[in-house]
Amino acid sequence: MIELKNFSVAYGDNVVYDGLNFTFGQGVSALLGASGSGKTTLLRAVCGLIRHGGEVICEPASAVFQEPCLAPISALNNVRAVLRGKNSRLVAEEMLKRCRLDKVNERATRLSGGEQQRVALARAFAVDRPVLLLDEPFRSLDVGVRRKLYATLSELLTLYPKTVLLVTHDVDEALLLADRVFLLEGRPAVPRLIAEVTEPHASRDEYSPEFISLRRSLQDVFTRE
């Protein structure tokens, strides 16, 4: 789990969080919110990338950001770089295969945006940490590529269950990937649970009447806040 105790972040007079006590449990928690609401600030604080007050209690985590942050070496070696041991090549090859990337020897920076994010996902899962942090990793991709990556991520999480915090601005993305959807609201900001999705990821149908109804209700809440 990810537990925040008396969690505070401020930039000068701009108080983003002030004494927040909150827990994100096992499974996928999606965090929605308007631009500037503090979504990425929270995730980066959990990563240890920004200073904060209070405590962040989190098991070892891996992360995938909007930019894949790959080195100009092969896709395979980008994954091997986070591994140790003589079996690193086999582990990296297996994880890239599970992420459906064939161009393992291609320089990562020459791959398409979707392929680069597949490498980033493979790298994050290869280290096998109990927590996964996702900062809008599919935001810059076209809808077809995003949908394929959603399927890949859901398959990986079935094989390797984790506590996942997904920061997103996309209601459909939240509903397709998450078990719980939170809306970040107010200043100082507080997450509020606005939906729980119990349907198994593999059988979620974004065109079903139930999905459309849930999407509409979340969009109404999101746009009203």
C-alpha atoms as a PDB file:
ATOM      1  CA  MET A   1       0.000   0.000   0.000  1.00  0.00           C
ATOM      2  CA  ILE A   2       0.906   3.676  -0.175  1.00  0.00           C
ATOM      3  CA  GLU A   3       0.208   5.525   3.063  1.00  0.00           C
ATOM      4  CA  LEU A   4       0.396   9.286   3.557  1.00  0.00           C
ATOM      5  CA  LYS A   5       0.648  10.585   7.116  1.00  0.00           C
ATOM      6  CA  ASN A   6       0.298  14.296   7.812  1.00  0.00           C
ATOM      7  CA  PHE A   7       1.467  14.775   4.218  1.00  0.00           C
ATOM      8  CA  SER A   8       2.162  18.364   3.170  1.00  0.00           C
ATOM      9  CA  VAL A   9       3.573  20.083   0.087  1.00  0.00           C
ATOM     10  CA  ALA A  10       3.790  23.824  -0.512  1.00  0.00           C
ATOM     11  CA  TYR A  11       5.434  26.058  -3.074  1.00  0.00           C
ATOM     12  CA  GLY A  12       5.781  29.353  -1.268  1.00  0.00           C
ATOM     13  CA  ASP A  13       2.274  30.522  -0.442  1.00  0.00           C
ATOM     14  CA  ASN A  14       0.756  27.873  -2.708  1.00  0.00           C
ATOM     15  CA  VAL A  15      -0.256  25.055  -0.333  1.00  0.00           C
ATOM     16  CA  VAL A  16      -0.979  21.933  -2.384  1.00  0.00           C
ATOM     17  CA  TYR A  17      -1.372  19.448   0.491  1.00  0.00           C
ATOM     18  CA  ASP A  18      -1.714  20.244   4.172  1.00  0.00           C
ATOM     19  CA  GLY A  19      -1.683  17.431   6.723  1.00  0.00           C
ATOM     20  CA  LEU A  20      -3.254  14.839   4.429  1.00  0.00           C
ATOM     21  CA  ASN A  21      -3.769  11.354   5.886  1.00  0.00           C
ATOM     22  CA  PHE A  22      -4.693   8.862   3.188  1.00  0.00           C
ATOM     23  CA  THR A  23      -4.040   5.296   2.018  1.00  0.00           C
ATOM     24  CA  PHE A  24      -4.024   3.822  -1.488  1.00  0.00           C
ATOM     25  CA  GLY A  25      -4.509   0.062  -1.134  1.00  0.00           C
ATOM     26  CA  GLN A  26      -3.741  -3.023  -3.211  1.00  0.00           C
ATOM     27  CA  GLY A  27      -4.860  -2.922  -6.834  1.00  0.00           C
ATOM     28  CA  VAL A  28      -5.045  -0.011  -9.239  1.00  0.00           C
ATOM     29  CA  SER A  29      -6.032   3.415  -7.903  1.00  0.00           C
ATOM     30  CA  ALA A  30      -6.599   6.079 -10.561  1.00  0.00           C
ATOM     31  CA  LEU A  31      -6.235   9.708  -9.532  1.00  0.00           C
ATOM     32  CA  LEU A  32      -8.195  12.189 -11.644  1.00  0.00           C
ATOM     33  CA  GLY A  33      -8.047  15.936 -11.360  1.00  0.00           C
ATOM     34  CA  ALA A  34      -7.791  19.161 -13.313  1.00  0.00           C
ATOM     35  CA  SER A  35      -4.423  20.443 -14.478  1.00  0.00           C
ATOM     36  CA  GLY A  36      -2.580  21.915 -11.521  1.00  0.00           C
ATOM     37  CA  SER A  37      -4.682  20.056  -8.953  1.00  0.00           C
ATOM     38  CA  GLY A  38      -1.645  18.265  -7.499  1.00  0.00           C
ATOM     39  CA  LYS A  39      -1.831  14.816  -9.113  1.00  0.00           C
ATOM     40  CA  THR A  40       1.745  14.684 -10.353  1.00  0.00           C
ATOM     41  CA  THR A  41       2.998  16.462  -7.231  1.00  0.00           C
ATOM     42  CA  LEU A  42       1.642  13.607  -5.115  1.00  0.00           C
ATOM     43  CA  LEU A  43       3.134  10.927  -7.331  1.00  0.00           C
ATOM     44  CA  ARG A  44       6.536  12.618  -7.469  1.00  0.00           C
ATOM     45  CA  ALA A  45       6.534  12.970  -3.694  1.00  0.00           C
ATOM     46  CA  VAL A  46       5.880   9.232  -3.385  1.00  0.00           C
ATOM     47  CA  CYS A  47       8.811   8.684  -5.790  1.00  0.00           C
ATOM     48  CA  GLY A  48      11.006  10.824  -3.564  1.00  0.00           C
ATOM     49  CA  LEU A  49      11.550  13.390  -6.309  1.00  0.00           C
ATOM     50  CA  ILE A  50      10.240  16.422  -4.393  1.00  0.00           C
ATOM     51  CA  ARG A  51      10.427  17.538  -0.781  1.00  0.00           C
ATOM     52  CA  HIS A  52       7.383  17.169   1.443  1.00  0.00           C
ATOM     53  CA  GLY A  53       6.314  17.321   5.042  1.00  0.00           C
ATOM     54  CA  GLY A  54       4.966  14.372   6.986  1.00  0.00           C
ATOM     55  CA  GLU A  55       5.526  10.746   6.047  1.00  0.00           C
ATOM     56  CA  VAL A  56       5.135   8.711   2.871  1.00  0.00           C
ATOM     57  CA  ILE A  57       5.115   5.002   3.701  1.00  0.00           C
ATOM     58  CA  CYS A  58       5.590   3.001   0.529  1.00  0.00           C
ATOM     59  CA  GLU A  59       7.175  -0.295  -0.362  1.00  0.00           C
ATOM     60  CA  PRO A  60       9.863  -0.247  -3.089  1.00  0.00           C
ATOM     61  CA  ALA A  61       8.387   1.214  -6.267  1.00  0.00           C
ATOM     62  CA  SER A  62       9.060   1.435  -9.978  1.00  0.00           C
ATOM     63  CA  ALA A  63       7.652   4.196 -12.151  1.00  0.00           C
ATOM     64  CA  VAL A  64       6.674   5.032 -15.725  1.00  0.00           C
ATOM     65  CA  PHE A  65       6.364   8.706 -16.648  1.00  0.00           C
ATOM     66  CA  GLN A  66       4.912  10.664 -19.590  1.00  0.00           C
ATOM     67  CA  GLU A  67       8.347  10.566 -21.208  1.00  0.00           C
ATOM     68  CA  PRO A  68       9.852   7.063 -21.291  1.00  0.00           C
ATOM     69  CA  CYS A  69      13.327   8.320 -20.215  1.00  0.00           C
ATOM     70  CA  LEU A  70      15.256   5.715 -22.194  1.00  0.00           C
ATOM     71  CA  ALA A  71      18.981   5.656 -22.833  1.00  0.00           C
ATOM     72  CA  PRO A  72      20.262   5.692 -26.462  1.00  0.00           C
ATOM     73  CA  ILE A  73      21.076   1.996 -26.314  1.00  0.00           C
ATOM     74  CA  SER A  74      19.102  -1.057 -27.377  1.00  0.00           C
ATOM     75  CA  ALA A  75      15.663  -1.766 -25.945  1.00  0.00           C
ATOM     76  CA  LEU A  76      17.086  -4.936 -24.426  1.00  0.00           C
ATOM     77  CA  ASN A  77      19.933  -3.123 -22.695  1.00  0.00           C
ATOM     78  CA  ASN A  78      17.571  -0.452 -21.353  1.00  0.00           C
ATOM     79  CA  VAL A  79      15.796  -3.217 -19.445  1.00  0.00           C
ATOM     80  CA  ARG A  80      18.996  -5.037 -18.488  1.00  0.00           C
ATOM     81  CA  ALA A  81      20.351  -1.790 -17.026  1.00  0.00           C
ATOM     82  CA  VAL A  82      17.975  -2.037 -14.042  1.00  0.00           C
ATOM     83  CA  LEU A  83      18.726  -5.712 -13.392  1.00  0.00           C
ATOM     84  CA  ARG A  84      21.516  -7.524 -11.655  1.00  0.00           C
ATOM     85  CA  GLY A  85      22.783 -11.046 -11.990  1.00  0.00           C
ATOM     86  CA  LYS A  86      23.811 -13.389 -14.744  1.00  0.00           C
ATOM     87  CA  ASN A  87      20.202 -14.027 -15.806  1.00  0.00           C
ATOM     88  CA  SER A  88      19.531 -10.364 -16.613  1.00  0.00           C
ATOM     89  CA  ARG A  89      19.412 -10.979 -20.352  1.00  0.00           C
ATOM     90  CA  LEU A  90      16.873 -13.791 -20.020  1.00  0.00           C
ATOM     91  CA  VAL A  91      14.692 -11.744 -17.666  1.00  0.00           C
ATOM     92  CA  ALA A  92      14.843  -8.698 -19.947  1.00  0.00           C
ATOM     93  CA  GLU A  93      14.018 -10.737 -23.045  1.00  0.00           C
ATOM     94  CA  GLU A  94      11.069 -12.401 -21.316  1.00  0.00           C
ATOM     95  CA  MET A  95       9.643  -9.110 -20.074  1.00  0.00           C
ATOM     96  CA  LEU A  96       9.988  -7.430 -23.474  1.00  0.00           C
ATOM     97  CA  LYS A  97       8.209 -10.425 -24.985  1.00  0.00           C
ATOM     98  CA  ARG A  98       5.378 -10.046 -22.466  1.00  0.00           C
ATOM     99  CA  CYS A  99       5.233  -6.354 -23.425  1.00  0.00           C
ATOM    100  CA  ARG A 100       4.908  -7.422 -27.073  1.00  0.00           C
ATOM    101  CA  LEU A 101       8.047  -5.723 -28.329  1.00  0.00           C
ATOM    102  CA  ASP A 102       9.937  -7.530 -31.074  1.00  0.00           C
ATOM    103  CA  LYS A 103      12.609  -4.912 -31.794  1.00  0.00           C
ATOM    104  CA  VAL A 104      14.719  -5.782 -28.767  1.00  0.00           C
ATOM    105  CA  ASN A 105      18.023  -4.912 -30.433  1.00  0.00           C
ATOM    106  CA  GLU A 106      16.821  -1.618 -31.927  1.00  0.00           C
ATOM    107  CA  ARG A 107      18.161   1.578 -30.376  1.00  0.00           C
ATOM    108  CA  ALA A 108      15.372   2.571 -27.990  1.00  0.00           C
ATOM    109  CA  THR A 109      15.389   6.232 -29.003  1.00  0.00           C
ATOM    110  CA  ARG A 110      14.601   5.230 -32.602  1.00  0.00           C
ATOM    111  CA  LEU A 111      11.443   3.345 -31.658  1.00  0.00           C
ATOM    112  CA  SER A 112       7.953   4.807 -31.990  1.00  0.00           C
ATOM    113  CA  GLY A 113       6.343   6.454 -28.968  1.00  0.00           C
ATOM    114  CA  GLY A 114       4.209   3.404 -28.220  1.00  0.00           C
ATOM    115  CA  GLU A 115       7.180   1.055 -28.562  1.00  0.00           C
ATOM    116  CA  GLN A 116       9.228   3.233 -26.227  1.00  0.00           C
ATOM    117  CA  GLN A 117       6.522   3.032 -23.592  1.00  0.00           C
ATOM    118  CA  ARG A 118       6.523  -0.755 -23.994  1.00  0.00           C
ATOM    119  CA  VAL A 119      10.221  -0.686 -23.130  1.00  0.00           C
ATOM    120  CA  ALA A 120       9.484   1.545 -20.138  1.00  0.00           C
ATOM    121  CA  LEU A 121       6.788  -0.876 -18.935  1.00  0.00           C
ATOM    122  CA  ALA A 122       9.111  -3.851 -19.413  1.00  0.00           C
ATOM    123  CA  ARG A 123      11.788  -2.088 -17.392  1.00  0.00           C
ATOM    124  CA  ALA A 124       9.339  -1.224 -14.596  1.00  0.00           C
ATOM    125  CA  PHE A 125       8.036  -4.792 -14.314  1.00  0.00           C
ATOM    126  CA  ALA A 126      11.448  -6.427 -14.717  1.00  0.00           C
ATOM    127  CA  VAL A 127      12.639  -5.092 -11.346  1.00  0.00           C
ATOM    128  CA  ASP A 128       9.596  -6.760  -9.720  1.00  0.00           C
ATOM    129  CA  ARG A 129       8.780  -4.167  -7.077  1.00  0.00           C
ATOM    130  CA  PRO A 130       5.481  -4.290  -5.170  1.00  0.00           C
ATOM    131  CA  VAL A 131       4.411  -0.732  -6.083  1.00  0.00           C
ATOM    132  CA  LEU A 132       4.033   0.778  -9.558  1.00  0.00           C
ATOM    133  CA  LEU A 133       3.617   4.527 -10.111  1.00  0.00           C
ATOM    134  CA  LEU A 134       2.209   5.702 -13.456  1.00  0.00           C
ATOM    135  CA  ASP A 135       2.273   9.399 -14.366  1.00  0.00           C
ATOM    136  CA  GLU A 136       0.060   9.682 -17.474  1.00  0.00           C
ATOM    137  CA  PRO A 137       2.358   7.323 -19.417  1.00  0.00           C
ATOM    138  CA  PHE A 138      -0.021   7.040 -22.398  1.00  0.00           C
ATOM    139  CA  ARG A 139      -1.014  10.690 -22.686  1.00  0.00           C
ATOM    140  CA  SER A 140       0.900  11.538 -25.878  1.00  0.00           C
ATOM    141  CA  LEU A 141      -0.099   8.389 -27.781  1.00  0.00           C
ATOM    142  CA  ASP A 142      -2.931   8.053 -30.281  1.00  0.00           C
ATOM    143  CA  VAL A 143      -6.051   6.223 -29.203  1.00  0.00           C
ATOM    144  CA  GLY A 144      -5.285   2.941 -30.998  1.00  0.00           C
ATOM    145  CA  VAL A 145      -1.841   2.638 -29.451  1.00  0.00           C
ATOM    146  CA  ARG A 146      -3.222   3.565 -26.028  1.00  0.00           C
ATOM    147  CA  ARG A 147      -5.846   0.830 -26.168  1.00  0.00           C
ATOM    148  CA  LYS A 148      -3.203  -1.791 -27.021  1.00  0.00           C
ATOM    149  CA  LEU A 149      -1.022  -0.620 -24.155  1.00  0.00           C
ATOM    150  CA  TYR A 150      -3.989  -0.763 -21.766  1.00  0.00           C
ATOM    151  CA  ALA A 151      -4.394  -4.433 -22.670  1.00  0.00           C
ATOM    152  CA  THR A 152      -0.685  -5.096 -22.174  1.00  0.00           C
ATOM    153  CA  LEU A 153      -0.658  -3.369 -18.788  1.00  0.00           C
ATOM    154  CA  SER A 154      -3.746  -5.264 -17.602  1.00  0.00           C
ATOM    155  CA  GLU A 155      -2.165  -8.576 -18.652  1.00  0.00           C
ATOM    156  CA  LEU A 156       1.039  -7.721 -16.792  1.00  0.00           C
ATOM    157  CA  LEU A 157      -0.877  -6.809 -13.637  1.00  0.00           C
ATOM    158  CA  THR A 158      -2.746 -10.117 -13.793  1.00  0.00           C
ATOM    159  CA  LEU A 159       0.598 -11.934 -13.856  1.00  0.00           C
ATOM    160  CA  TYR A 160       2.381  -9.617 -11.425  1.00  0.00           C
ATOM    161  CA  PRO A 161      -0.168  -8.017  -9.033  1.00  0.00           C
ATOM    162  CA  LYS A 162       0.940  -4.704  -7.527  1.00  0.00           C
ATOM    163  CA  THR A 163      -0.259  -1.652  -5.716  1.00  0.00           C
ATOM    164  CA  VAL A 164      -0.617   0.850  -8.561  1.00  0.00           C
ATOM    165  CA  LEU A 165      -1.149   4.598  -8.455  1.00  0.00           C
ATOM    166  CA  LEU A 166      -2.188   5.904 -11.872  1.00  0.00           C
ATOM    167  CA  VAL A 167      -2.277   9.649 -12.437  1.00  0.00           C
ATOM    168  CA  THR A 168      -4.501  10.492 -15.392  1.00  0.00           C
ATOM    169  CA  HIS A 169      -6.804  13.149 -16.818  1.00  0.00           C
ATOM    170  CA  ASP A 170      -8.677  10.585 -18.940  1.00  0.00           C
ATOM    171  CA  VAL A 171     -11.929   9.177 -17.514  1.00  0.00           C
ATOM    172  CA  ASP A 172     -11.981   6.250 -19.965  1.00  0.00           C
ATOM    173  CA  GLU A 173      -8.406   5.335 -19.045  1.00  0.00           C
ATOM    174  CA  ALA A 174      -9.329   5.350 -15.371  1.00  0.00           C
ATOM    175  CA  LEU A 175     -12.378   3.151 -15.934  1.00  0.00           C
ATOM    176  CA  LEU A 176     -10.530   0.665 -18.149  1.00  0.00           C
ATOM    177  CA  LEU A 177      -7.522   0.230 -15.872  1.00  0.00           C
ATOM    178  CA  ALA A 178      -8.495   1.046 -12.297  1.00  0.00           C
ATOM    179  CA  ASP A 179     -10.216  -0.751  -9.449  1.00  0.00           C
ATOM    180  CA  ARG A 180     -10.907   2.544  -7.685  1.00  0.00           C
ATOM    181  CA  VAL A 181     -11.163   6.062  -9.115  1.00  0.00           C
ATOM    182  CA  PHE A 182     -10.391   9.114  -6.983  1.00  0.00           C
ATOM    183  CA  LEU A 183     -10.954  12.778  -7.780  1.00  0.00           C
ATOM    184  CA  LEU A 184      -8.420  15.211  -6.386  1.00  0.00           C
ATOM    185  CA  GLU A 185     -10.314  18.290  -5.251  1.00  0.00           C
ATOM    186  CA  GLY A 186      -9.919  21.427  -3.187  1.00  0.00           C
ATOM    187  CA  ARG A 187      -6.959  23.477  -2.057  1.00  0.00           C
ATOM    188  CA  PRO A 188      -5.316  22.050  -0.038  1.00  0.00           C
ATOM    189  CA  ALA A 189      -6.104  18.980  -2.131  1.00  0.00           C
ATOM    190  CA  VAL A 190      -7.858  15.846  -0.862  1.00  0.00           C
ATOM    191  CA  PRO A 191      -8.636  12.661  -2.871  1.00  0.00           C
ATOM    192  CA  ARG A 192     -12.283  11.627  -2.907  1.00  0.00           C
ATOM    193  CA  LEU A 193     -13.442   8.177  -3.997  1.00  0.00           C
ATOM    194  CA  ILE A 194     -15.906   8.613  -6.867  1.00  0.00           C
ATOM    195  CA  ALA A 195     -16.109   5.103  -8.358  1.00  0.00           C
ATOM    196  CA  GLU A 196     -15.246   1.474  -7.748  1.00  0.00           C
ATOM    197  CA  VAL A 197     -14.999  -0.807 -10.772  1.00  0.00           C
ATOM    198  CA  THR A 198     -15.486  -4.490  -9.952  1.00  0.00           C
ATOM    199  CA  GLU A 199     -15.644  -5.860 -13.502  1.00  0.00           C
ATOM    200  CA  PRO A 200     -12.492  -7.889 -14.361  1.00  0.00           C
ATOM    201  CA  HIS A 201     -10.169  -5.875 -16.581  1.00  0.00           C
ATOM    202  CA  ALA A 202     -10.229  -8.403 -19.415  1.00  0.00           C
ATOM    203  CA  SER A 203     -14.020  -8.248 -19.754  1.00  0.00           C
ATOM    204  CA  ARG A 204     -14.539  -4.485 -19.502  1.00  0.00           C
ATOM    205  CA  ASP A 205     -16.459  -3.183 -22.487  1.00  0.00           C
ATOM    206  CA  GLU A 206     -16.327   0.572 -22.989  1.00  0.00           C
ATOM    207  CA  TYR A 207     -19.353   0.375 -25.289  1.00  0.00           C
ATOM    208  CA  SER A 208     -21.619  -1.475 -22.852  1.00  0.00           C
ATOM    209  CA  PRO A 209     -24.589   0.447 -21.373  1.00  0.00           C
ATOM    210  CA  GLU A 210     -23.130   0.029 -17.863  1.00  0.00           C
ATOM    211  CA  PHE A 211     -19.756   1.446 -18.895  1.00  0.00           C
ATOM    212  CA  ILE A 212     -21.343   4.357 -20.759  1.00  0.00           C
ATOM    213  CA  SER A 213     -23.508   5.190 -17.746  1.00  0.00           C
ATOM    214  CA  LEU A 214     -20.543   5.074 -15.371  1.00  0.00           C
ATOM    215  CA  ARG A 215     -18.442   7.193 -17.742  1.00  0.00           C
ATOM    216  CA  ARG A 216     -21.183   9.798 -17.948  1.00  0.00           C
ATOM    217  CA  SER A 217     -21.552  10.004 -14.173  1.00  0.00           C
ATOM    218  CA  LEU A 218     -17.772  10.368 -13.681  1.00  0.00           C
ATOM    219  CA  GLN A 219     -17.517  13.006 -16.385  1.00  0.00           C
ATOM    220  CA  ASP A 220     -20.326  14.931 -14.701  1.00  0.00           C
ATOM    221  CA  VAL A 221     -18.502  14.830 -11.369  1.00  0.00           C
ATOM    222  CA  PHE A 222     -15.146  15.660 -12.942  1.00  0.00           C
ATOM    223  CA  THR A 223     -16.391  18.636 -14.920  1.00  0.00           C
ATOM    224  CA  ARG A 224     -18.570  19.954 -12.103  1.00  0.00           C
ATOM    225  CA  GLU A 225     -15.702  20.101  -9.574  1.00  0.00           C
END
